[in-house]
Amino acid sequence: MAKNFRKSLMMSEDVQSLLYTGRFYDGSNPAECHNGALVVQGAIEDHSVYDGLKDPNVHKITAPAEDTDEVHIVDYVDVSHGEIMGVMYREGIKTYGISAPAGADIRVRIPAKHDTGYFAEENFATPPTVGQYAVPTAGSTLWTPSALEVTDKTCIKIEYEKAVTEGMVNSGKEYFVTFVNVM
């Protein structure tokens, strides 16, 4: 299974100010960004249509520089697609194993304490342990497992793990998490 995030109960579903749109950058270059990436909100982007104007709806997003940065979660949703003889076909909603192309506008959620969701095993620097915790990784879009709850940075508790089944294939693990501390 690839990197993935699925919301469960999150404040951003009811409080629209906890959602925004961003474009991911690696340094000064637009870059591909995976679902569930930990990002920080930056400056408002230039408008893609009107020269000389800013687009108040789109922010530059990057990997956190420090593990104590206020992190947000990329919640990118796309559809399955493929090309046959030069024609692009799209069908259904695909929410696993996808990445936003470089320069794409992507939905970002600002987590709140007590929010819950699922992260794929690949969203962690190393496999986490159920009952333990995870915190942001400086310079990375991944979580770092932690044996102890950390209170001076964003911290999630790994509540349980489950297998992810795509059709009839077991494609990996995902972890149900609770945000226990949010910076």
N, C-alpha and C. Protein backbone atom coordinates (compact mmCIF):
# COMPACT_ATOMS: atom_id res chain seq x y z
N MET A 1 0.84 -1.19 0.00
CA MET A 1 0.00 0.00 0.00
C MET A 1 0.88 1.24 0.00
N ALA A 2 0.39 2.28 -0.57
CA ALA A 2 1.12 3.54 -0.63
C ALA A 2 0.69 4.46 0.50
N LYS A 3 1.30 5.62 0.57
CA LYS A 3 0.94 6.60 1.60
C LYS A 3 -0.52 6.99 1.42
N ASN A 4 -1.21 7.15 2.54
CA ASN A 4 -2.63 7.45 2.47
C ASN A 4 -3.14 8.06 3.77
N PHE A 5 -4.22 8.81 3.67
CA PHE A 5 -4.91 9.37 4.84
C PHE A 5 -6.40 9.32 4.56
N ARG A 6 -7.17 8.92 5.57
CA ARG A 6 -8.63 8.98 5.51
C ARG A 6 -9.11 9.61 6.80
N LYS A 7 -9.91 10.65 6.69
CA LYS A 7 -10.45 11.28 7.90
C LYS A 7 -11.51 10.38 8.50
N SER A 8 -11.71 10.50 9.78
CA SER A 8 -12.81 9.83 10.47
C SER A 8 -13.70 10.94 11.00
N LEU A 9 -13.46 11.38 12.22
CA LEU A 9 -14.18 12.51 12.80
C LEU A 9 -13.19 13.66 12.96
N MET A 10 -13.40 14.71 12.19
CA MET A 10 -12.49 15.85 12.25
C MET A 10 -13.29 17.14 12.29
N MET A 11 -12.81 18.08 13.08
CA MET A 11 -13.46 19.39 13.19
C MET A 11 -13.58 20.07 11.83
N SER A 12 -12.64 19.80 10.93
CA SER A 12 -12.64 20.47 9.63
C SER A 12 -13.86 20.12 8.79
N GLU A 13 -14.60 19.08 9.16
CA GLU A 13 -15.84 18.76 8.45
C GLU A 13 -16.94 19.78 8.76
N ASP A 14 -16.90 20.35 9.94
CA ASP A 14 -17.94 21.30 10.37
C ASP A 14 -17.46 22.73 10.42
N VAL A 15 -16.17 22.95 10.58
CA VAL A 15 -15.62 24.30 10.69
C VAL A 15 -14.76 24.54 9.45
N GLN A 16 -15.34 25.21 8.47
CA GLN A 16 -14.68 25.37 7.18
C GLN A 16 -13.36 26.13 7.26
N SER A 17 -13.18 26.94 8.30
CA SER A 17 -11.91 27.66 8.42
C SER A 17 -10.76 26.73 8.77
N LEU A 18 -11.05 25.45 9.05
CA LEU A 18 -10.00 24.47 9.31
C LEU A 18 -9.62 23.69 8.05
N LEU A 19 -10.10 24.18 6.90
CA LEU A 19 -9.75 23.62 5.59
C LEU A 19 -9.19 24.74 4.73
N TYR A 20 -8.20 24.44 3.92
CA TYR A 20 -7.73 25.40 2.93
C TYR A 20 -7.11 24.65 1.77
N THR A 21 -6.78 25.37 0.72
CA THR A 21 -6.15 24.79 -0.46
C THR A 21 -4.70 25.21 -0.49
N GLY A 22 -3.84 24.30 -0.90
CA GLY A 22 -2.42 24.61 -0.98
C GLY A 22 -1.77 24.00 -2.21
N ARG A 23 -0.56 24.47 -2.50
CA ARG A 23 0.30 23.88 -3.53
C ARG A 23 1.60 23.52 -2.85
N PHE A 24 2.02 22.27 -3.01
CA PHE A 24 3.20 21.77 -2.31
C PHE A 24 4.48 22.16 -3.05
N TYR A 25 5.48 22.58 -2.26
CA TYR A 25 6.78 22.96 -2.79
C TYR A 25 7.88 22.19 -2.06
N ASP A 26 8.89 21.80 -2.82
CA ASP A 26 10.12 21.26 -2.26
C ASP A 26 11.16 22.34 -2.53
N GLY A 27 11.47 23.13 -1.52
CA GLY A 27 12.29 24.32 -1.74
C GLY A 27 11.46 25.36 -2.47
N SER A 28 11.96 25.83 -3.61
CA SER A 28 11.20 26.82 -4.39
C SER A 28 10.49 26.20 -5.59
N ASN A 29 10.57 24.88 -5.72
CA ASN A 29 9.98 24.20 -6.87
C ASN A 29 8.69 23.47 -6.50
N PRO A 30 7.63 23.61 -7.32
CA PRO A 30 6.44 22.80 -7.10
C PRO A 30 6.83 21.33 -7.18
N ALA A 31 6.24 20.51 -6.30
CA ALA A 31 6.61 19.09 -6.25
C ALA A 31 5.37 18.23 -6.04
N GLU A 32 5.50 16.96 -6.38
CA GLU A 32 4.45 15.99 -6.11
C GLU A 32 4.27 15.86 -4.60
N CYS A 33 3.05 15.59 -4.16
CA CYS A 33 2.78 15.47 -2.72
C CYS A 33 1.84 14.31 -2.47
N HIS A 34 2.17 13.47 -1.51
CA HIS A 34 1.36 12.29 -1.22
C HIS A 34 0.20 12.60 -0.27
N ASN A 35 -0.81 11.78 -0.33
CA ASN A 35 -1.96 11.89 0.56
C ASN A 35 -1.50 11.62 1.99
N GLY A 36 -1.95 12.44 2.93
CA GLY A 36 -1.57 12.29 4.32
C GLY A 36 -0.27 12.98 4.69
N ALA A 37 0.31 13.73 3.75
CA ALA A 37 1.57 14.43 4.03
C ALA A 37 1.38 15.45 5.14
N LEU A 38 2.38 15.56 6.01
CA LEU A 38 2.40 16.61 7.03
C LEU A 38 3.03 17.84 6.41
N VAL A 39 2.31 18.95 6.45
CA VAL A 39 2.78 20.17 5.81
C VAL A 39 2.57 21.37 6.72
N VAL A 40 3.24 22.47 6.39
CA VAL A 40 3.04 23.74 7.08
C VAL A 40 2.53 24.75 6.06
N GLN A 41 1.67 25.64 6.54
CA GLN A 41 1.07 26.65 5.68
C GLN A 41 2.02 27.83 5.52
N GLY A 42 2.19 28.26 4.28
CA GLY A 42 3.04 29.40 4.00
C GLY A 42 2.24 30.56 3.42
N ALA A 43 2.92 31.37 2.63
CA ALA A 43 2.33 32.58 2.06
C ALA A 43 1.24 32.27 1.04
N ILE A 44 0.41 33.26 0.81
CA ILE A 44 -0.62 33.16 -0.22
C ILE A 44 0.08 33.13 -1.59
N GLU A 45 -0.41 32.28 -2.47
CA GLU A 45 0.17 32.09 -3.79
C GLU A 45 -0.26 33.19 -4.77
N ASP A 46 0.54 33.36 -5.83
CA ASP A 46 0.13 34.23 -6.93
C ASP A 46 -1.07 33.60 -7.63
N HIS A 47 -1.93 34.44 -8.14
CA HIS A 47 -3.12 33.96 -8.83
C HIS A 47 -2.71 33.29 -10.13
N SER A 48 -3.33 32.16 -10.47
CA SER A 48 -2.94 31.43 -11.67
C SER A 48 -3.54 32.04 -12.94
N VAL A 49 -4.50 32.96 -12.80
CA VAL A 49 -5.13 33.57 -13.97
C VAL A 49 -4.78 35.05 -14.10
N TYR A 50 -4.83 35.78 -13.00
CA TYR A 50 -4.65 37.23 -13.05
C TYR A 50 -3.24 37.62 -12.62
N ASP A 51 -2.46 38.15 -13.56
CA ASP A 51 -1.09 38.58 -13.28
C ASP A 51 -1.08 39.68 -12.24
N GLY A 52 -0.13 39.60 -11.32
CA GLY A 52 0.04 40.64 -10.32
C GLY A 52 -0.89 40.55 -9.14
N LEU A 53 -1.79 39.56 -9.12
CA LEU A 53 -2.71 39.40 -7.99
C LEU A 53 -2.38 38.13 -7.23
N LYS A 54 -2.71 38.15 -5.96
CA LYS A 54 -2.58 36.96 -5.12
C LYS A 54 -3.91 36.22 -5.10
N ASP A 55 -3.87 34.92 -4.88
CA ASP A 55 -5.08 34.12 -4.76
C ASP A 55 -5.28 33.80 -3.29
N PRO A 56 -6.22 34.49 -2.61
CA PRO A 56 -6.38 34.29 -1.17
C PRO A 56 -6.85 32.89 -0.79
N ASN A 57 -7.21 32.09 -1.78
CA ASN A 57 -7.70 30.73 -1.51
C ASN A 57 -6.62 29.67 -1.58
N VAL A 58 -5.40 30.04 -2.00
CA VAL A 58 -4.34 29.04 -2.20
C VAL A 58 -3.06 29.49 -1.48
N HIS A 59 -2.53 28.60 -0.64
CA HIS A 59 -1.30 28.87 0.11
C HIS A 59 -0.18 27.96 -0.34
N LYS A 60 1.04 28.46 -0.23
CA LYS A 60 2.23 27.62 -0.44
C LYS A 60 2.32 26.69 0.76
N ILE A 61 2.52 25.41 0.53
CA ILE A 61 2.71 24.46 1.63
C ILE A 61 4.03 23.72 1.41
N THR A 62 4.69 23.40 2.52
CA THR A 62 5.99 22.72 2.48
C THR A 62 6.05 21.71 3.62
N ALA A 63 7.06 20.86 3.58
CA ALA A 63 7.33 19.95 4.71
C ALA A 63 7.73 20.81 5.91
N PRO A 64 7.42 20.37 7.13
CA PRO A 64 7.82 21.16 8.31
C PRO A 64 9.33 21.26 8.43
N ALA A 65 9.82 22.46 8.70
CA ALA A 65 11.27 22.65 8.89
C ALA A 65 11.71 22.10 10.24
N GLU A 66 10.85 22.23 11.25
CA GLU A 66 11.13 21.74 12.61
C GLU A 66 10.02 20.78 13.03
N ASP A 67 10.33 19.86 13.90
CA ASP A 67 9.30 18.92 14.36
C ASP A 67 8.28 19.58 15.29
N THR A 68 8.54 20.83 15.70
CA THR A 68 7.61 21.56 16.55
C THR A 68 6.71 22.51 15.75
N ASP A 69 6.85 22.54 14.42
CA ASP A 69 6.01 23.39 13.58
C ASP A 69 4.55 22.96 13.69
N GLU A 70 3.65 23.91 13.43
CA GLU A 70 2.22 23.59 13.37
C GLU A 70 1.98 22.84 12.06
N VAL A 71 1.65 21.56 12.16
CA VAL A 71 1.48 20.75 10.95
C VAL A 71 0.02 20.58 10.60
N HIS A 72 -0.22 20.48 9.30
CA HIS A 72 -1.54 20.23 8.75
C HIS A 72 -1.46 18.97 7.91
N ILE A 73 -2.61 18.43 7.50
CA ILE A 73 -2.66 17.15 6.82
C ILE A 73 -3.19 17.32 5.40
N VAL A 74 -2.44 16.83 4.41
CA VAL A 74 -2.92 16.81 3.04
C VAL A 74 -3.98 15.72 2.93
N ASP A 75 -5.15 16.09 2.43
CA ASP A 75 -6.25 15.15 2.22
C ASP A 75 -6.64 15.23 0.75
N TYR A 76 -5.80 14.65 -0.08
CA TYR A 76 -5.97 14.73 -1.53
C TYR A 76 -6.84 13.58 -2.01
N VAL A 77 -7.82 13.91 -2.81
CA VAL A 77 -8.70 12.89 -3.37
C VAL A 77 -8.71 13.07 -4.88
N ASP A 78 -8.55 12.00 -5.58
CA ASP A 78 -8.56 12.01 -7.03
C ASP A 78 -9.42 10.84 -7.49
N VAL A 79 -9.56 10.68 -8.76
CA VAL A 79 -10.31 9.55 -9.28
C VAL A 79 -9.37 8.63 -10.04
N SER A 80 -9.75 7.36 -10.13
CA SER A 80 -9.00 6.41 -10.94
C SER A 80 -9.05 6.90 -12.38
N HIS A 81 -7.94 6.82 -13.06
CA HIS A 81 -7.94 7.26 -14.45
C HIS A 81 -6.91 6.48 -15.25
N GLY A 82 -7.12 6.48 -16.51
CA GLY A 82 -6.20 5.82 -17.41
C GLY A 82 -6.39 6.34 -18.82
N GLU A 83 -5.39 6.13 -19.63
CA GLU A 83 -5.45 6.62 -21.01
C GLU A 83 -5.49 5.44 -21.96
N ILE A 84 -6.45 5.49 -22.87
CA ILE A 84 -6.57 4.46 -23.90
C ILE A 84 -6.63 5.17 -25.24
N MET A 85 -5.64 4.92 -26.08
CA MET A 85 -5.55 5.51 -27.41
C MET A 85 -5.74 7.03 -27.38
N GLY A 86 -5.06 7.68 -26.44
CA GLY A 86 -5.08 9.13 -26.38
C GLY A 86 -6.28 9.73 -25.68
N VAL A 87 -7.19 8.90 -25.18
CA VAL A 87 -8.38 9.41 -24.49
C VAL A 87 -8.25 9.08 -23.00
N MET A 88 -8.42 10.10 -22.15
CA MET A 88 -8.32 9.91 -20.70
C MET A 88 -9.68 9.51 -20.16
N TYR A 89 -9.75 8.37 -19.48
CA TYR A 89 -10.98 7.90 -18.86
C TYR A 89 -10.84 8.00 -17.35
N ARG A 90 -11.89 8.46 -16.68
CA ARG A 90 -11.89 8.59 -15.22
C ARG A 90 -13.14 7.90 -14.69
N GLU A 91 -12.97 7.16 -13.59
CA GLU A 91 -14.11 6.45 -13.03
C GLU A 91 -13.93 6.26 -11.53
N GLY A 92 -14.96 6.57 -10.77
CA GLY A 92 -14.96 6.31 -9.32
C GLY A 92 -14.05 7.22 -8.54
N ILE A 93 -14.07 7.02 -7.23
CA ILE A 93 -13.22 7.80 -6.34
C ILE A 93 -12.12 6.88 -5.83
N LYS A 94 -10.89 7.29 -6.02
CA LYS A 94 -9.76 6.51 -5.52
C LYS A 94 -9.12 7.32 -4.40
N THR A 95 -9.01 6.75 -3.22
CA THR A 95 -8.46 7.51 -2.10
C THR A 95 -7.21 6.86 -1.51
N TYR A 96 -6.67 5.83 -2.14
CA TYR A 96 -5.46 5.21 -1.62
C TYR A 96 -4.41 5.16 -2.73
N GLY A 97 -3.17 5.28 -2.31
CA GLY A 97 -2.07 5.16 -3.24
C GLY A 97 -2.00 6.26 -4.28
N ILE A 98 -2.44 7.45 -3.96
CA ILE A 98 -2.41 8.54 -4.93
C ILE A 98 -1.51 9.67 -4.43
N SER A 99 -1.01 10.43 -5.37
CA SER A 99 -0.22 11.61 -5.06
C SER A 99 -0.72 12.75 -5.93
N ALA A 100 -0.67 13.94 -5.39
CA ALA A 100 -1.02 15.12 -6.16
C ALA A 100 0.15 15.48 -7.06
N PRO A 101 -0.10 15.75 -8.34
CA PRO A 101 0.99 16.13 -9.23
C PRO A 101 1.59 17.48 -8.82
N ALA A 102 2.80 17.72 -9.21
CA ALA A 102 3.48 18.99 -8.92
C ALA A 102 2.64 20.15 -9.44
N GLY A 103 2.44 21.15 -8.59
CA GLY A 103 1.68 22.35 -8.96
C GLY A 103 0.18 22.23 -8.81
N ALA A 104 -0.32 21.05 -8.43
CA ALA A 104 -1.77 20.86 -8.28
C ALA A 104 -2.27 21.52 -7.00
N ASP A 105 -3.49 22.02 -7.05
CA ASP A 105 -4.14 22.53 -5.84
C ASP A 105 -4.65 21.34 -5.05
N ILE A 106 -4.34 21.31 -3.75
CA ILE A 106 -4.74 20.18 -2.91
C ILE A 106 -5.40 20.66 -1.62
N ARG A 107 -6.36 19.86 -1.16
CA ARG A 107 -7.07 20.18 0.09
C ARG A 107 -6.16 19.86 1.27
N VAL A 108 -6.18 20.76 2.26
CA VAL A 108 -5.37 20.60 3.47
C VAL A 108 -6.29 20.78 4.67
N ARG A 109 -6.15 19.88 5.65
CA ARG A 109 -6.95 19.95 6.89
C ARG A 109 -6.06 20.41 8.04
N ILE A 110 -6.60 21.31 8.86
CA ILE A 110 -5.92 21.74 10.08
C ILE A 110 -6.48 20.87 11.20
N PRO A 111 -5.69 19.98 11.77
CA PRO A 111 -6.24 19.08 12.80
C PRO A 111 -6.50 19.81 14.11
N ALA A 112 -7.47 19.29 14.84
CA ALA A 112 -7.81 19.79 16.18
C ALA A 112 -7.64 18.64 17.17
N LYS A 113 -7.43 18.98 18.42
CA LYS A 113 -7.32 17.96 19.45
C LYS A 113 -8.59 17.11 19.44
N HIS A 114 -8.43 15.81 19.57
CA HIS A 114 -9.49 14.80 19.58
C HIS A 114 -9.94 14.38 18.18
N ASP A 115 -9.43 15.00 17.09
CA ASP A 115 -9.76 14.54 15.75
C ASP A 115 -9.25 13.11 15.59
N THR A 116 -9.89 12.35 14.70
CA THR A 116 -9.46 10.98 14.43
C THR A 116 -9.37 10.76 12.93
N GLY A 117 -8.55 9.78 12.55
CA GLY A 117 -8.41 9.43 11.15
C GLY A 117 -7.53 8.20 11.00
N TYR A 118 -7.26 7.83 9.76
CA TYR A 118 -6.44 6.67 9.44
C TYR A 118 -5.23 7.11 8.61
N PHE A 119 -4.06 6.61 8.97
CA PHE A 119 -2.86 6.82 8.18
C PHE A 119 -2.31 5.46 7.76
N ALA A 120 -1.85 5.36 6.51
CA ALA A 120 -1.22 4.13 6.04
C ALA A 120 0.14 3.96 6.71
N GLU A 121 0.60 2.72 6.78
CA GLU A 121 1.90 2.43 7.39
C GLU A 121 3.02 3.25 6.75
N GLU A 122 2.90 3.52 5.45
CA GLU A 122 3.92 4.27 4.72
C GLU A 122 3.96 5.75 5.09
N ASN A 123 2.97 6.24 5.85
CA ASN A 123 2.97 7.63 6.32
C ASN A 123 3.85 7.80 7.56
N PHE A 124 4.48 6.74 8.00
CA PHE A 124 5.36 6.77 9.17
C PHE A 124 6.80 6.48 8.74
N ALA A 125 7.77 7.14 9.37
CA ALA A 125 9.18 6.91 9.05
C ALA A 125 9.57 5.46 9.31
N THR A 126 9.02 4.86 10.37
CA THR A 126 9.19 3.44 10.69
C THR A 126 7.83 2.95 11.19
N PRO A 127 7.56 1.66 11.13
CA PRO A 127 6.24 1.19 11.56
C PRO A 127 5.94 1.56 13.02
N PRO A 128 4.75 2.12 13.27
CA PRO A 128 4.39 2.50 14.63
C PRO A 128 3.92 1.30 15.45
N THR A 129 3.79 1.51 16.76
CA THR A 129 3.32 0.47 17.67
C THR A 129 1.97 0.91 18.24
N VAL A 130 1.00 0.02 18.17
CA VAL A 130 -0.33 0.31 18.71
C VAL A 130 -0.20 0.62 20.20
N GLY A 131 -0.90 1.66 20.65
CA GLY A 131 -0.85 2.08 22.04
C GLY A 131 0.22 3.13 22.31
N GLN A 132 1.11 3.34 21.31
CA GLN A 132 2.13 4.37 21.46
C GLN A 132 1.75 5.59 20.63
N TYR A 133 2.70 6.43 20.30
CA TYR A 133 2.42 7.73 19.72
C TYR A 133 3.28 7.97 18.49
N ALA A 134 3.03 9.10 17.83
CA ALA A 134 3.88 9.54 16.72
C ALA A 134 3.85 11.06 16.67
N VAL A 135 4.95 11.63 16.20
CA VAL A 135 5.12 13.09 16.13
C VAL A 135 5.68 13.44 14.75
N PRO A 136 5.59 14.73 14.35
CA PRO A 136 6.14 15.13 13.06
C PRO A 136 7.65 14.92 12.99
N THR A 137 8.14 14.82 11.77
CA THR A 137 9.56 14.66 11.51
C THR A 137 10.06 15.94 10.84
N ALA A 138 11.08 16.58 11.38
CA ALA A 138 11.64 17.79 10.77
C ALA A 138 12.13 17.49 9.35
N GLY A 139 11.74 18.33 8.41
CA GLY A 139 12.19 18.18 7.03
C GLY A 139 11.52 17.06 6.26
N SER A 140 10.48 16.46 6.83
CA SER A 140 9.81 15.33 6.19
C SER A 140 8.30 15.49 6.29
N THR A 141 7.58 14.81 5.41
CA THR A 141 6.12 14.81 5.45
C THR A 141 5.57 13.59 6.17
N LEU A 142 6.45 12.86 6.88
CA LEU A 142 6.07 11.62 7.57
C LEU A 142 6.03 11.81 9.09
N TRP A 143 5.31 10.90 9.76
CA TRP A 143 5.30 10.83 11.23
C TRP A 143 6.48 10.00 11.71
N THR A 144 6.98 10.31 12.90
CA THR A 144 8.01 9.50 13.55
C THR A 144 7.40 8.87 14.80
N PRO A 145 7.40 7.54 14.91
CA PRO A 145 6.86 6.90 16.10
C PRO A 145 7.58 7.34 17.37
N SER A 146 6.84 7.38 18.47
CA SER A 146 7.37 7.78 19.78
C SER A 146 6.75 6.87 20.83
N ALA A 147 7.55 6.37 21.73
CA ALA A 147 7.03 5.50 22.79
C ALA A 147 6.17 6.28 23.78
N LEU A 148 6.45 7.57 23.92
CA LEU A 148 5.76 8.39 24.92
C LEU A 148 4.96 9.50 24.27
N GLU A 149 3.91 9.94 24.94
CA GLU A 149 3.14 11.10 24.49
C GLU A 149 4.01 12.35 24.65
N VAL A 150 4.01 13.18 23.64
CA VAL A 150 4.82 14.39 23.64
C VAL A 150 3.86 15.58 23.69
N THR A 151 4.15 16.55 24.57
CA THR A 151 3.22 17.66 24.76
C THR A 151 3.68 18.97 24.14
N ASP A 152 4.92 19.05 23.65
CA ASP A 152 5.39 20.32 23.10
C ASP A 152 5.37 20.35 21.58
N LYS A 153 4.66 19.42 20.95
CA LYS A 153 4.49 19.38 19.50
C LYS A 153 3.23 18.58 19.18
N THR A 154 2.81 18.62 17.94
CA THR A 154 1.67 17.81 17.53
C THR A 154 1.99 16.34 17.79
N CYS A 155 1.01 15.63 18.33
CA CYS A 155 1.22 14.23 18.70
C CYS A 155 -0.06 13.45 18.45
N ILE A 156 0.07 12.27 17.85
CA ILE A 156 -1.07 11.38 17.65
C ILE A 156 -0.85 10.10 18.43
N LYS A 157 -1.96 9.51 18.87
CA LYS A 157 -1.90 8.20 19.53
C LYS A 157 -2.35 7.15 18.53
N ILE A 158 -1.60 6.07 18.44
CA ILE A 158 -1.92 4.96 17.56
C ILE A 158 -2.90 4.06 18.31
N GLU A 159 -4.17 4.13 17.93
CA GLU A 159 -5.22 3.40 18.65
C GLU A 159 -5.30 1.93 18.26
N TYR A 160 -5.31 1.66 16.96
CA TYR A 160 -5.31 0.26 16.49
C TYR A 160 -4.87 0.22 15.04
N GLU A 161 -4.54 -0.98 14.58
CA GLU A 161 -4.15 -1.18 13.19
C GLU A 161 -5.13 -2.13 12.53
N LYS A 162 -5.25 -2.01 11.22
CA LYS A 162 -6.09 -2.95 10.48
C LYS A 162 -5.51 -3.14 9.09
N ALA A 163 -5.83 -4.26 8.51
CA ALA A 163 -5.37 -4.55 7.15
C ALA A 163 -6.19 -3.73 6.17
N VAL A 164 -5.55 -3.34 5.08
CA VAL A 164 -6.24 -2.63 4.01
C VAL A 164 -6.43 -3.64 2.88
N THR A 165 -7.66 -3.80 2.45
CA THR A 165 -7.97 -4.73 1.38
C THR A 165 -8.45 -3.95 0.17
N GLU A 166 -7.77 -4.15 -0.94
CA GLU A 166 -8.16 -3.55 -2.21
C GLU A 166 -8.68 -4.68 -3.07
N GLY A 167 -9.99 -4.75 -3.24
CA GLY A 167 -10.59 -5.88 -3.94
C GLY A 167 -10.43 -7.11 -3.06
N MET A 168 -9.62 -8.07 -3.51
CA MET A 168 -9.38 -9.28 -2.72
C MET A 168 -7.92 -9.37 -2.30
N VAL A 169 -7.20 -8.26 -2.39
CA VAL A 169 -5.77 -8.26 -2.10
C VAL A 169 -5.50 -7.48 -0.82
N ASN A 170 -4.76 -8.09 0.11
CA ASN A 170 -4.32 -7.37 1.30
C ASN A 170 -3.13 -6.54 0.88
N SER A 171 -3.30 -5.21 0.94
CA SER A 171 -2.25 -4.34 0.40
C SER A 171 -1.49 -3.56 1.47
N GLY A 172 -1.61 -3.94 2.71
CA GLY A 172 -0.84 -3.26 3.75
C GLY A 172 -1.65 -3.00 4.99
N LYS A 173 -1.12 -2.11 5.82
CA LYS A 173 -1.77 -1.77 7.09
C LYS A 173 -2.10 -0.29 7.12
N GLU A 174 -3.14 0.03 7.88
CA GLU A 174 -3.40 1.42 8.20
C GLU A 174 -3.70 1.49 9.69
N TYR A 175 -3.47 2.67 10.24
CA TYR A 175 -3.59 2.87 11.68
C TYR A 175 -4.64 3.94 11.98
N PHE A 176 -5.55 3.60 12.89
CA PHE A 176 -6.52 4.57 13.37
C PHE A 176 -5.84 5.38 14.45
N VAL A 177 -5.89 6.72 14.32
CA VAL A 177 -5.17 7.58 15.25
C VAL A 177 -6.10 8.63 15.84
N THR A 178 -5.72 9.12 17.03
CA THR A 178 -6.37 10.25 17.67
C THR A 178 -5.33 11.34 17.88
N PHE A 179 -5.67 12.57 17.51
CA PHE A 179 -4.77 13.70 17.77
C PHE A 179 -4.89 14.05 19.25
N VAL A 180 -3.83 13.80 20.01
CA VAL A 180 -3.85 14.06 21.46
C VAL A 180 -3.24 15.40 21.82
N ASN A 181 -2.45 15.96 20.91
CA ASN A 181 -1.87 17.29 21.14
C ASN A 181 -1.69 17.93 19.77
N VAL A 182 -2.10 19.19 19.66
CA VAL A 182 -2.00 19.89 18.39
C VAL A 182 -1.33 21.23 18.64
N MET A 183 -0.35 21.54 17.85
CA MET A 183 0.37 22.83 17.98
C MET A 183 -0.17 23.79 16.95
